[in-house]
C-alpha atoms as a PDB file:
ATOM      1  CA  MET A   1      39.534  37.068 -70.261  1.00  0.00           C
ATOM      2  CA  LYS A   2      37.286  36.844 -67.641  1.00  0.00           C
ATOM      3  CA  LYS A   3      34.018  36.116 -69.947  1.00  0.00           C
ATOM      4  CA  ARG A   4      36.157  33.212 -71.986  1.00  0.00           C
ATOM      5  CA  ILE A   5      36.949  31.532 -68.868  1.00  0.00           C
ATOM      6  CA  ILE A   6      33.148  31.754 -67.695  1.00  0.00           C
ATOM      7  CA  LEU A   7      32.774  30.179 -71.086  1.00  0.00           C
ATOM      8  CA  PHE A   8      35.050  27.333 -70.933  1.00  0.00           C
ATOM      9  CA  ALA A   9      33.790  26.571 -67.293  1.00  0.00           C
ATOM     10  CA  VAL A  10      29.967  26.391 -69.005  1.00  0.00           C
ATOM     11  CA  LEU A  11      31.217  23.784 -71.536  1.00  0.00           C
ATOM     12  CA  GLY A  12      33.458  22.117 -69.214  1.00  0.00           C
ATOM     13  CA  ILE A  13      29.988  21.028 -67.410  1.00  0.00           C
ATOM     14  CA  LEU A  14      28.342  20.275 -70.274  1.00  0.00           C
ATOM     15  CA  ILE A  15      30.755  17.713 -71.312  1.00  0.00           C
ATOM     16  CA  ILE A  16      30.361  16.686 -67.621  1.00  0.00           C
ATOM     17  CA  PHE A  17      27.238  16.547 -68.084  1.00  0.00           C
ATOM     18  CA  LEU A  18      27.545  14.041 -71.476  1.00  0.00           C
ATOM     19  CA  ILE A  19      29.722  11.743 -69.625  1.00  0.00           C
ATOM     20  CA  PHE A  20      27.463  11.243 -66.507  1.00  0.00           C
ATOM     21  CA  LEU A  21      24.261  11.331 -68.098  1.00  0.00           C
ATOM     22  CA  ARG A  22      24.923   9.633 -71.286  1.00  0.00           C
ATOM     23  CA  PRO A  23      25.620  10.841 -74.665  1.00  0.00           C
ATOM     24  CA  THR A  24      21.821  10.163 -75.355  1.00  0.00           C
ATOM     25  CA  VAL A  25      19.112  11.533 -78.050  1.00  0.00           C
ATOM     26  CA  SER A  26      17.410  13.214 -75.074  1.00  0.00           C
ATOM     27  CA  ALA A  27      21.061  14.625 -73.804  1.00  0.00           C
ATOM     28  CA  ALA A  28      21.586  15.959 -76.841  1.00  0.00           C
ATOM     29  CA  LYS A  29      18.227  17.715 -77.310  1.00  0.00           C
ATOM     30  CA  VAL A  30      18.784  19.681 -74.230  1.00  0.00           C
ATOM     31  CA  LEU A  31      22.055  20.604 -75.504  1.00  0.00           C
ATOM     32  CA  LEU A  32      20.756  21.691 -78.448  1.00  0.00           C
ATOM     33  CA  LEU A  33      17.747  23.235 -76.709  1.00  0.00           C
ATOM     34  CA  ALA A  34      20.247  25.146 -73.832  1.00  0.00           C
ATOM     35  CA  SER A  35      22.247  26.473 -76.397  1.00  0.00           C
ATOM     36  CA  GLU A  36      19.111  28.003 -78.642  1.00  0.00           C
ATOM     37  CA  GLU A  37      17.140  29.903 -76.068  1.00  0.00           C
ATOM     38  CA  PHE A  38      20.493  31.038 -73.591  1.00  0.00           C
ATOM     39  CA  PRO A  39      22.208  33.935 -74.691  1.00  0.00           C
ATOM     40  CA  GLN A  40      25.277  33.268 -72.419  1.00  0.00           C
ATOM     41  CA  ILE A  41      25.538  29.779 -74.951  1.00  0.00           C
ATOM     42  CA  PRO A  42      27.732  31.698 -78.460  1.00  0.00           C
ATOM     43  CA  ILE A  43      27.074  28.379 -80.363  1.00  0.00           C
ATOM     44  CA  LYS A  44      23.800  27.854 -81.871  1.00  0.00           C
ATOM     45  CA  PRO A  45      24.043  24.659 -84.113  1.00  0.00           C
ATOM     46  CA  LEU A  46      20.203  23.671 -83.838  1.00  0.00           C
ATOM     47  CA  GLY A  47      19.517  25.170 -86.977  1.00  0.00           C
ATOM     48  CA  VAL A  48      22.657  23.473 -88.818  1.00  0.00           C
ATOM     49  CA  LEU A  49      22.174  20.286 -87.889  1.00  0.00           C
ATOM     50  CA  THR A  50      18.215  19.524 -87.783  1.00  0.00           C
ATOM     51  CA  LYS A  51      15.902  20.249 -90.601  1.00  0.00           C
ATOM     52  CA  GLN A  52      12.937  23.609 -90.642  1.00  0.00           C
ATOM     53  CA  PRO A  53       9.612  22.104 -89.895  1.00  0.00           C
ATOM     54  CA  GLU A  54       6.500  22.631 -91.470  1.00  0.00           C
ATOM     55  CA  LYS A  55       4.514  25.758 -90.224  1.00  0.00           C
ATOM     56  CA  GLU A  56       1.089  26.593 -90.810  1.00  0.00           C
ATOM     57  CA  SER A  57      -1.931  28.139 -88.922  1.00  0.00           C
ATOM     58  CA  VAL A  58      -5.071  26.243 -87.979  1.00  0.00           C
ATOM     59  CA  VAL A  59      -8.169  27.323 -86.534  1.00  0.00           C
ATOM     60  CA  ILE A  60     -10.228  25.148 -84.228  1.00  0.00           C
ATOM     61  CA  THR A  61     -14.052  25.985 -82.829  1.00  0.00           C
ATOM     62  CA  TYR A  62     -15.724  24.862 -80.406  1.00  0.00           C
ATOM     63  CA  GLN A  63     -19.166  25.896 -79.702  1.00  0.00           C
ATOM     64  CA  ASP A  64     -19.049  29.816 -80.570  1.00  0.00           C
ATOM     65  CA  LYS A  65     -15.728  30.473 -79.756  1.00  0.00           C
ATOM     66  CA  LYS A  66     -12.274  30.144 -82.360  1.00  0.00           C
ATOM     67  CA  ILE A  67      -9.520  28.724 -81.280  1.00  0.00           C
ATOM     68  CA  LEU A  68      -6.270  29.865 -82.784  1.00  0.00           C
ATOM     69  CA  GLY A  69      -3.168  27.640 -83.321  1.00  0.00           C
ATOM     70  CA  ASP A  70       0.781  28.247 -84.489  1.00  0.00           C
ATOM     71  CA  LEU A  71       1.071  24.292 -85.905  1.00  0.00           C
ATOM     72  CA  PHE A  72       4.882  22.845 -85.931  1.00  0.00           C
ATOM     73  CA  VAL A  73       5.298  19.808 -87.662  1.00  0.00           C
ATOM     74  CA  PRO A  74       8.911  18.007 -88.400  1.00  0.00           C
ATOM     75  CA  LYS A  75       9.455  16.252 -91.807  1.00  0.00           C
ATOM     76  CA  SER A  76       9.562  12.749 -90.557  1.00  0.00           C
ATOM     77  CA  THR A  77       7.217  10.068 -91.751  1.00  0.00           C
ATOM     78  CA  GLN A  78       7.013   8.469 -88.666  1.00  0.00           C
ATOM     79  CA  LYS A  79       4.699   9.322 -85.852  1.00  0.00           C
ATOM     80  CA  LYS A  80       5.723  12.068 -83.651  1.00  0.00           C
ATOM     81  CA  PRO A  81       5.129  12.748 -79.866  1.00  0.00           C
ATOM     82  CA  ALA A  82       3.268  15.808 -79.615  1.00  0.00           C
ATOM     83  CA  ILE A  83       3.927  19.120 -77.382  1.00  0.00           C
ATOM     84  CA  ILE A  84       1.081  21.503 -76.742  1.00  0.00           C
ATOM     85  CA  VAL A  85       2.746  25.129 -75.641  1.00  0.00           C
ATOM     86  CA  ALA A  86       0.198  26.919 -72.976  1.00  0.00           C
ATOM     87  CA  MET A  87       0.084  30.480 -72.455  1.00  0.00           C
ATOM     88  CA  GLY A  88      -2.168  31.577 -69.709  1.00  0.00           C
ATOM     89  CA  VAL A  89      -2.966  35.471 -70.806  1.00  0.00           C
ATOM     90  CA  LYS A  90      -2.356  37.158 -74.427  1.00  0.00           C
ATOM     91  CA  THR A  91       1.135  37.529 -75.456  1.00  0.00           C
ATOM     92  CA  SER A  92       2.550  40.508 -76.413  1.00  0.00           C
ATOM     93  CA  ASP A  93       3.181  41.124 -79.883  1.00  0.00           C
ATOM     94  CA  LYS A  94       7.400  42.414 -79.196  1.00  0.00           C
ATOM     95  CA  ASP A  95       7.110  38.066 -76.787  1.00  0.00           C
ATOM     96  CA  LYS A  96       5.709  36.454 -80.017  1.00  0.00           C
ATOM     97  CA  PRO A  97       8.745  35.949 -82.377  1.00  0.00           C
ATOM     98  CA  THR A  98      10.583  34.251 -79.015  1.00  0.00           C
ATOM     99  CA  LEU A  99       7.659  32.172 -78.404  1.00  0.00           C
ATOM    100  CA  LEU A 100       7.306  31.094 -81.895  1.00  0.00           C
ATOM    101  CA  GLY A 101      10.740  30.519 -81.861  1.00  0.00           C
ATOM    102  CA  PHE A 102      10.909  28.140 -79.033  1.00  0.00           C
ATOM    103  CA  CYS A 103       8.068  26.196 -80.529  1.00  0.00           C
ATOM    104  CA  GLU A 104      10.144  25.776 -83.929  1.00  0.00           C
ATOM    105  CA  SER A 105      13.136  24.553 -81.558  1.00  0.00           C
ATOM    106  CA  LEU A 106      10.845  21.742 -80.341  1.00  0.00           C
ATOM    107  CA  ALA A 107       9.605  20.745 -83.592  1.00  0.00           C
ATOM    108  CA  ARG A 108      13.249  20.602 -84.904  1.00  0.00           C
ATOM    109  CA  LEU A 109      13.964  18.422 -82.375  1.00  0.00           C
ATOM    110  CA  GLY A 110      11.334  16.105 -83.432  1.00  0.00           C
ATOM    111  CA  TYR A 111       8.098  17.230 -81.514  1.00  0.00           C
ATOM    112  CA  VAL A 112       5.086  18.261 -83.780  1.00  0.00           C
ATOM    113  CA  VAL A 113       3.968  21.681 -81.480  1.00  0.00           C
ATOM    114  CA  LEU A 114       1.214  23.528 -81.225  1.00  0.00           C
ATOM    115  CA  TRP A 115       0.925  26.890 -79.700  1.00  0.00           C
ATOM    116  CA  PRO A 116      -3.434  27.219 -79.749  1.00  0.00           C
ATOM    117  CA  ARG A 117      -4.760  30.451 -77.730  1.00  0.00           C
ATOM    118  CA  LEU A 118      -8.475  31.972 -78.006  1.00  0.00           C
ATOM    119  CA  GLU A 119      -9.270  34.346 -80.948  1.00  0.00           C
ATOM    120  CA  ASN A 120     -10.195  36.742 -78.383  1.00  0.00           C
ATOM    121  CA  LEU A 121      -6.785  36.929 -76.856  1.00  0.00           C
ATOM    122  CA  GLU A 122      -5.250  37.856 -80.148  1.00  0.00           C
ATOM    123  CA  LYS A 123      -7.431  40.819 -80.151  1.00  0.00           C
ATOM    124  CA  ASP A 124      -5.918  42.620 -76.919  1.00  0.00           C
ATOM    125  CA  ILE A 125      -9.479  41.583 -74.323  1.00  0.00           C
ATOM    126  CA  THR A 126      -7.821  41.366 -71.181  1.00  0.00           C
ATOM    127  CA  LYS A 127      -8.566  37.943 -69.416  1.00  0.00           C
ATOM    128  CA  PHE A 128      -7.269  34.384 -68.419  1.00  0.00           C
ATOM    129  CA  GLU A 129      -6.804  31.518 -71.571  1.00  0.00           C
ATOM    130  CA  ASP A 130     -10.061  29.258 -71.139  1.00  0.00           C
ATOM    131  CA  PRO A 131      -8.496  25.888 -70.121  1.00  0.00           C
ATOM    132  CA  GLN A 132     -11.068  24.018 -72.567  1.00  0.00           C
ATOM    133  CA  THR A 133      -8.710  25.948 -75.267  1.00  0.00           C
ATOM    134  CA  PHE A 134      -6.342  23.070 -74.630  1.00  0.00           C
ATOM    135  CA  ILE A 135      -8.720  20.191 -74.109  1.00  0.00           C
ATOM    136  CA  ASP A 136      -9.772  21.116 -77.464  1.00  0.00           C
ATOM    137  CA  ALA A 137      -6.172  21.310 -78.676  1.00  0.00           C
ATOM    138  CA  PHE A 138      -5.189  18.151 -77.712  1.00  0.00           C
ATOM    139  CA  GLY A 139      -8.242  16.303 -78.980  1.00  0.00           C
ATOM    140  CA  PHE A 140      -7.233  18.083 -82.449  1.00  0.00           C
ATOM    141  CA  LEU A 141      -3.837  16.436 -82.057  1.00  0.00           C
ATOM    142  CA  GLU A 142      -5.144  13.033 -81.093  1.00  0.00           C
ATOM    143  CA  LYS A 143      -6.655  12.909 -84.528  1.00  0.00           C
ATOM    144  CA  GLN A 144      -3.903  13.881 -86.602  1.00  0.00           C
ATOM    145  CA  ASP A 145      -2.341  10.676 -88.660  1.00  0.00           C
ATOM    146  CA  TYR A 146       1.375  12.068 -88.054  1.00  0.00           C
ATOM    147  CA  VAL A 147       0.747  12.309 -83.982  1.00  0.00           C
ATOM    148  CA  ASP A 148       1.949   9.400 -81.720  1.00  0.00           C
ATOM    149  CA  LYS A 149      -1.815   9.345 -79.613  1.00  0.00           C
ATOM    150  CA  SER A 150      -0.227   8.121 -76.677  1.00  0.00           C
ATOM    151  CA  ARG A 151       2.562  10.897 -76.265  1.00  0.00           C
ATOM    152  CA  ILE A 152       0.657  14.041 -75.999  1.00  0.00           C
ATOM    153  CA  SER A 153       2.169  16.332 -73.594  1.00  0.00           C
ATOM    154  CA  PHE A 154       1.726  20.012 -72.462  1.00  0.00           C
ATOM    155  CA  VAL A 155       4.629  22.217 -71.584  1.00  0.00           C
ATOM    156  CA  GLY A 156       3.157  25.563 -69.731  1.00  0.00           C
ATOM    157  CA  PHE A 157       4.558  28.628 -69.112  1.00  0.00           C
ATOM    158  CA  SER A 158       3.080  31.337 -66.020  1.00  0.00           C
ATOM    159  CA  VAL A 159      -0.294  31.194 -65.379  1.00  0.00           C
ATOM    160  CA  GLY A 160      -0.174  28.777 -68.817  1.00  0.00           C
ATOM    161  CA  SER A 161       1.289  26.126 -66.698  1.00  0.00           C
ATOM    162  CA  SER A 162      -2.024  26.517 -64.436  1.00  0.00           C
ATOM    163  CA  LEU A 163      -4.397  26.385 -66.811  1.00  0.00           C
ATOM    164  CA  ALA A 164      -2.802  23.440 -68.844  1.00  0.00           C
ATOM    165  CA  LEU A 165      -2.564  21.328 -65.520  1.00  0.00           C
ATOM    166  CA  VAL A 166      -6.335  22.146 -65.075  1.00  0.00           C
ATOM    167  CA  ALA A 167      -7.434  20.623 -68.848  1.00  0.00           C
ATOM    168  CA  ALA A 168      -5.062  17.737 -68.015  1.00  0.00           C
ATOM    169  CA  GLU A 169      -7.187  16.968 -64.651  1.00  0.00           C
ATOM    170  CA  ASN A 170     -10.341  17.441 -67.255  1.00  0.00           C
ATOM    171  CA  GLU A 171     -12.006  13.517 -67.492  1.00  0.00           C
ATOM    172  CA  THR A 172     -12.373  13.784 -71.186  1.00  0.00           C
ATOM    173  CA  ILE A 173      -8.462  13.520 -71.720  1.00  0.00           C
ATOM    174  CA  ASN A 174      -6.903  12.842 -68.073  1.00  0.00           C
ATOM    175  CA  ASP A 175      -6.380   9.074 -68.797  1.00  0.00           C
ATOM    176  CA  ASN A 176      -4.343  10.649 -72.745  1.00  0.00           C
ATOM    177  CA  VAL A 177      -2.545  13.372 -71.257  1.00  0.00           C
ATOM    178  CA  GLN A 178       1.455  12.254 -70.969  1.00  0.00           C
ATOM    179  CA  SER A 179       3.058  14.771 -69.287  1.00  0.00           C
ATOM    180  CA  VAL A 180       2.735  18.518 -68.139  1.00  0.00           C
ATOM    181  CA  VAL A 181       5.805  20.511 -67.787  1.00  0.00           C
ATOM    182  CA  PHE A 182       4.628  22.671 -65.249  1.00  0.00           C
ATOM    183  CA  PHE A 183       7.054  26.485 -65.641  1.00  0.00           C
ATOM    184  CA  GLY A 184       6.231  29.257 -63.021  1.00  0.00           C
ATOM    185  CA  GLY A 185       2.789  28.420 -62.691  1.00  0.00           C
ATOM    186  CA  TYR A 186       0.751  28.938 -59.469  1.00  0.00           C
ATOM    187  CA  TYR A 187      -1.483  25.918 -57.501  1.00  0.00           C
ATOM    188  CA  ASN A 188      -4.122  27.671 -55.617  1.00  0.00           C
ATOM    189  CA  ILE A 189      -5.737  30.790 -57.875  1.00  0.00           C
ATOM    190  CA  LEU A 190      -6.748  32.523 -54.150  1.00  0.00           C
ATOM    191  CA  ASP A 191      -3.810  31.986 -52.473  1.00  0.00           C
ATOM    192  CA  TYR A 192      -2.053  33.699 -55.695  1.00  0.00           C
ATOM    193  CA  LEU A 193      -4.114  36.563 -55.916  1.00  0.00           C
ATOM    194  CA  SER A 194      -3.591  36.817 -51.891  1.00  0.00           C
ATOM    195  CA  THR A 195      -0.115  36.387 -52.390  1.00  0.00           C
ATOM    196  CA  LEU A 196      -0.576  39.708 -55.105  1.00  0.00           C
ATOM    197  CA  SER A 197      -2.721  41.845 -52.601  1.00  0.00           C
ATOM    198  CA  ARG A 198      -1.014  41.450 -49.178  1.00  0.00           C
ATOM    199  CA  LYS A 199       2.858  41.418 -50.969  1.00  0.00           C
ATOM    200  CA  THR A 200       3.442  37.874 -48.396  1.00  0.00           C
ATOM    201  CA  ILE A 201       4.112  34.387 -48.999  1.00  0.00           C
ATOM    202  CA  SER A 202       2.552  31.597 -46.596  1.00  0.00           C
ATOM    203  CA  LEU A 203       4.035  28.044 -46.820  1.00  0.00           C
ATOM    204  CA  ASP A 204       4.312  25.356 -44.018  1.00  0.00           C
ATOM    205  CA  SER A 205       2.131  28.303 -41.492  1.00  0.00           C
ATOM    206  CA  GLN A 206       5.240  30.610 -42.165  1.00  0.00           C
ATOM    207  CA  THR A 207       4.742  34.016 -43.603  1.00  0.00           C
ATOM    208  CA  ILE A 208       7.073  35.865 -45.338  1.00  0.00           C
ATOM    209  CA  LYS A 209       7.482  39.329 -47.108  1.00  0.00           C
ATOM    210  CA  TRP A 210       7.526  39.061 -50.995  1.00  0.00           C
ATOM    211  CA  LEU A 211       7.627  41.833 -53.564  1.00  0.00           C
ATOM    212  CA  PRO A 212       5.582  41.462 -56.453  1.00  0.00           C
ATOM    213  CA  ALA A 213       6.467  42.985 -60.017  1.00  0.00           C
ATOM    214  CA  GLU A 214       3.828  46.185 -60.312  1.00  0.00           C
ATOM    215  CA  SER A 215       3.071  44.750 -63.953  1.00  0.00           C
ATOM    216  CA  ALA A 216       1.973  41.202 -62.481  1.00  0.00           C
ATOM    217  CA  ILE A 217      -0.205  43.531 -60.166  1.00  0.00           C
ATOM    218  CA  ASP A 218      -1.599  45.651 -62.850  1.00  0.00           C
ATOM    219  CA  HIS A 219      -2.448  42.618 -65.025  1.00  0.00           C
ATOM    220  CA  ALA A 220      -4.158  40.309 -62.182  1.00  0.00           C
ATOM    221  CA  GLN A 221      -6.025  43.655 -61.610  1.00  0.00           C
ATOM    222  CA  LYS A 222      -7.127  44.297 -65.276  1.00  0.00           C
ATOM    223  CA  ILE A 223      -8.281  40.637 -65.608  1.00  0.00           C
ATOM    224  CA  LEU A 224     -10.234  40.814 -62.278  1.00  0.00           C
ATOM    225  CA  GLU A 225     -11.854  44.218 -63.149  1.00  0.00           C
ATOM    226  CA  LYS A 226     -13.162  42.281 -66.397  1.00  0.00           C
ATOM    227  CA  GLU A 227     -15.057  40.421 -63.833  1.00  0.00           C
ATOM    228  CA  GLY A 228     -16.196  43.252 -61.886  1.00  0.00           C
ATOM    229  CA  LEU A 229     -13.491  42.142 -59.131  1.00  0.00           C
ATOM    230  CA  THR A 230     -10.675  44.009 -57.298  1.00  0.00           C
ATOM    231  CA  LEU A 231      -7.086  42.834 -56.292  1.00  0.00           C
ATOM    232  CA  ASP A 232      -7.987  44.598 -52.648  1.00  0.00           C
ATOM    233  CA  LEU A 233     -10.687  40.990 -52.588  1.00  0.00           C
ATOM    234  CA  PHE A 234      -8.427  39.004 -51.935  1.00  0.00           C
ATOM    235  CA  ASP A 235      -6.256  40.676 -48.880  1.00  0.00           C
ATOM    236  CA  LYS A 236      -7.976  38.143 -46.328  1.00  0.00           C
ATOM    237  CA  LYS A 237      -9.454  40.817 -44.202  1.00  0.00           C
ATOM    238  CA  ILE A 238     -12.830  39.484 -45.279  1.00  0.00           C
ATOM    239  CA  PRO A 239     -13.651  36.076 -45.817  1.00  0.00           C
ATOM    240  CA  ILE A 240     -14.234  35.368 -49.822  1.00  0.00           C
ATOM    241  CA  ASP A 241     -17.874  34.913 -50.784  1.00  0.00           C
ATOM    242  CA  SER A 242     -18.762  31.678 -51.952  1.00  0.00           C
ATOM    243  CA  SER A 243     -20.057  32.538 -55.467  1.00  0.00           C
ATOM    244  CA  LEU A 244     -16.555  34.212 -56.255  1.00  0.00           C
ATOM    245  CA  THR A 245     -14.948  31.165 -54.709  1.00  0.00           C
ATOM    246  CA  LYS A 246     -16.755  29.253 -57.507  1.00  0.00           C
ATOM    247  CA  ARG A 247     -16.332  31.539 -60.812  1.00  0.00           C
ATOM    248  CA  LEU A 248     -13.115  31.305 -60.405  1.00  0.00           C
ATOM    249  CA  SER A 249     -12.329  27.784 -59.015  1.00  0.00           C
ATOM    250  CA  ARG A 250     -12.229  26.547 -63.087  1.00  0.00           C
ATOM    251  CA  PHE A 251      -8.918  27.985 -63.450  1.00  0.00           C
ATOM    252  CA  SER A 252      -7.459  26.541 -60.584  1.00  0.00           C
ATOM    253  CA  PRO A 253      -5.500  23.311 -60.342  1.00  0.00           C
ATOM    254  CA  ASP A 254      -6.260  22.512 -56.863  1.00  0.00           C
ATOM    255  CA  GLU A 255      -9.801  22.028 -57.371  1.00  0.00           C
ATOM    256  CA  ASN A 256      -9.537  18.634 -59.217  1.00  0.00           C
ATOM    257  CA  ILE A 257      -5.594  17.695 -58.766  1.00  0.00           C
ATOM    258  CA  ASP A 258      -7.152  13.634 -57.665  1.00  0.00           C
ATOM    259  CA  PHE A 259      -8.255  13.724 -60.956  1.00  0.00           C
ATOM    260  CA  LEU A 260      -4.361  14.217 -62.332  1.00  0.00           C
ATOM    261  CA  LYS A 261      -2.471  11.157 -64.149  1.00  0.00           C
ATOM    262  CA  ALA A 262       0.128  12.729 -66.338  1.00  0.00           C
ATOM    263  CA  LYS A 263       3.581  12.836 -65.305  1.00  0.00           C
ATOM    264  CA  ILE A 264       4.398  16.315 -63.912  1.00  0.00           C
ATOM    265  CA  PHE A 265       7.761  18.267 -64.185  1.00  0.00           C
ATOM    266  CA  ILE A 266       7.643  20.995 -62.320  1.00  0.00           C
ATOM    267  CA  LEU A 267      10.434  24.426 -62.525  1.00  0.00           C
ATOM    268  CA  HIS A 268       9.853  27.144 -60.567  1.00  0.00           C
ATOM    269  CA  GLU A 269      12.976  30.639 -60.570  1.00  0.00           C
ATOM    270  CA  LYS A 270      13.145  30.951 -56.676  1.00  0.00           C
ATOM    271  CA  SER A 271      13.408  34.770 -57.307  1.00  0.00           C
ATOM    272  CA  ASP A 272      10.102  34.731 -59.354  1.00  0.00           C
ATOM    273  CA  THR A 273       8.176  37.892 -58.750  1.00  0.00           C
ATOM    274  CA  PHE A 274       5.547  37.201 -60.751  1.00  0.00           C
ATOM    275  CA  VAL A 275       4.204  34.340 -59.600  1.00  0.00           C
ATOM    276  CA  PRO A 276       6.234  33.077 -56.236  1.00  0.00           C
ATOM    277  CA  TYR A 277       8.099  29.806 -55.885  1.00  0.00           C
ATOM    278  CA  THR A 278       5.980  28.510 -53.163  1.00  0.00           C
ATOM    279  CA  GLU A 279       2.812  28.161 -55.747  1.00  0.00           C
ATOM    280  CA  SER A 280       4.965  25.395 -57.015  1.00  0.00           C
ATOM    281  CA  ILE A 281       6.239  24.411 -53.645  1.00  0.00           C
ATOM    282  CA  LYS A 282       2.525  23.428 -52.845  1.00  0.00           C
ATOM    283  CA  LEU A 283       1.842  21.689 -56.221  1.00  0.00           C
ATOM    284  CA  LYS A 284       4.859  19.649 -55.323  1.00  0.00           C
ATOM    285  CA  GLN A 285       3.495  18.619 -51.692  1.00  0.00           C
ATOM    286  CA  ALA A 286       0.145  18.013 -52.981  1.00  0.00           C
ATOM    287  CA  LEU A 287       1.253  15.490 -55.600  1.00  0.00           C
ATOM    288  CA  GLU A 288       3.459  13.627 -52.698  1.00  0.00           C
ATOM    289  CA  GLN A 289       0.356  13.133 -50.593  1.00  0.00           C
ATOM    290  CA  LYS A 290      -0.928  11.204 -53.316  1.00  0.00           C
ATOM    291  CA  GLY A 291       2.329   8.966 -53.980  1.00  0.00           C
ATOM    292  CA  GLU A 292       2.615  10.438 -57.177  1.00  0.00           C
ATOM    293  CA  SER A 293       6.038  10.433 -58.816  1.00  0.00           C
ATOM    294  CA  LEU A 294       7.266  14.041 -59.852  1.00  0.00           C
ATOM    295  CA  VAL A 295      10.198  15.874 -61.208  1.00  0.00           C
ATOM    296  CA  TYR A 296      10.906  19.306 -59.120  1.00  0.00           C
ATOM    297  CA  HIS A 297      13.860  21.446 -59.832  1.00  0.00           C
ATOM    298  CA  GLN A 298      14.085  25.289 -58.027  1.00  0.00           C
ATOM    299  CA  ALA A 299      16.162  27.344 -60.545  1.00  0.00           C
ATOM    300  CA  ASN A 300      18.122  30.656 -60.311  1.00  0.00           C
ATOM    301  CA  LEU A 301      18.574  31.375 -64.007  1.00  0.00           C
ATOM    302  CA  PHE A 302      15.317  33.154 -65.316  1.00  0.00           C
ATOM    303  CA  ASP A 303      13.342  36.552 -65.139  1.00  0.00           C
ATOM    304  CA  HIS A 304       9.811  34.783 -64.434  1.00  0.00           C
ATOM    305  CA  VAL A 305       9.992  32.235 -67.170  1.00  0.00           C
ATOM    306  CA  GLN A 306      12.620  33.741 -69.771  1.00  0.00           C
ATOM    307  CA  PRO A 307      16.304  33.255 -69.481  1.00  0.00           C
ATOM    308  CA  ARG A 308      18.189  35.624 -67.566  1.00  0.00           C
ATOM    309  CA  LYS A 309      21.182  37.495 -69.098  1.00  0.00           C
ATOM    310  CA  GLY A 310      24.672  38.349 -68.086  1.00  0.00           C
ATOM    311  CA  ARG A 311      26.982  35.879 -67.090  1.00  0.00           C
ATOM    312  CA  SER A 312      28.648  34.735 -63.472  1.00  0.00           C
ATOM    313  CA  TYR A 313      30.398  32.010 -61.929  1.00  0.00           C
ATOM    314  CA  GLU A 314      27.062  31.085 -60.115  1.00  0.00           C
ATOM    315  CA  MET A 315      25.297  30.616 -63.715  1.00  0.00           C
ATOM    316  CA  VAL A 316      27.496  27.450 -63.761  1.00  0.00           C
ATOM    317  CA  ASN A 317      26.348  25.424 -61.505  1.00  0.00           C
ATOM    318  CA  GLU A 318      23.036  26.653 -62.167  1.00  0.00           C
ATOM    319  CA  PHE A 319      23.363  25.254 -65.929  1.00  0.00           C
ATOM    320  CA  PHE A 320      23.979  21.986 -64.626  1.00  0.00           C
ATOM    321  CA  GLY A 321      20.767  21.683 -62.346  1.00  0.00           C
ATOM    322  CA  LEU A 322      18.642  22.375 -65.146  1.00  0.00           C
ATOM    323  CA  PHE A 323      20.151  20.302 -67.755  1.00  0.00           C
ATOM    324  CA  VAL A 324      19.702  17.732 -65.237  1.00  0.00           C
ATOM    325  CA  PHE A 325      15.969  18.547 -65.255  1.00  0.00           C
ATOM    326  CA  LEU A 326      15.488  18.663 -68.465  1.00  0.00           C
ATOM    327  CA  HIS A 327      17.487  15.788 -69.124  1.00  0.00           C
ATOM    328  CA  LYS A 328      14.695  13.938 -67.004  1.00  0.00           C
ATOM    329  CA  VAL A 329      11.892  16.135 -69.382  1.00  0.00           C
ATOM    330  CA  PHE A 330      13.254  14.770 -72.636  1.00  0.00           C
ATOM    331  CA  MET A 331      13.430  11.247 -71.823  1.00  0.00           C
ATOM    332  CA  TYR A 332       9.586  10.889 -70.724  1.00  0.00           C
ATOM    333  CA  LEU A 333       7.971  13.360 -73.575  1.00  0.00           C
END
């Protein structure tokens, strides 16, 4: 009985959402995507109401490197907006079906979707994705006849958000990037590594304790070891060598934020133990200082960037806030 009450409450919120935000195509897309991705919503109508997109594997080459991509194309004769899904590190085999399912869901909603990654990441090499991967993926989509070249956006997850933002700042594409959805990323890589090392977060001259996930620390340490570094170097007890700062700056969105021209949508889980929410607040503050328009939402529905399982009364209000945020995203994509 309790689960039914919660379910009816969620459905009631969805109805209110439609009434007050108008039953537009964008609102329908939000509902269809949310019903598909959140386990709390038992009705999954997306597969019934939409056509299965065409899927193919593509290879993009630059210099001596190969970019592997999963490409989803809706069945339509019209030019369609496109989304580049950005992951910053290797996606585990167990998570791949979830990510590919998400890509297919977006394609069913009418978007060309490309998930690109370096071939080396598929070989289980522990390292960051190269921002150039996303720049070249953008160039690949611009060449496709079925893509609306004025509407190509990035949707990034975790570190992928940060690297997608770095790519969107690049002068070769920054005039043409429509938008970036920044979900759970960092703004300053040195600050982020410091939070992992010191287990504290700082914002507006205040420092508080933060307990990062052990897997986040282990993964960062393995990536740094590939560069001959250790996480202890970032505890801020000693100054960081300028050459080290330069090596890492290519992975840090704050370096070229003034070159960013795309519309930014920022989403972060407040209880995130992989990347602290304060990193997204720093990005928000930097964009506001530039006078840029942005959309920001702090959620309490996720385990880092994956929907949290379980049901509670508190989730009802959280769902409504997320739906409002996503409605603004889909109105712009």
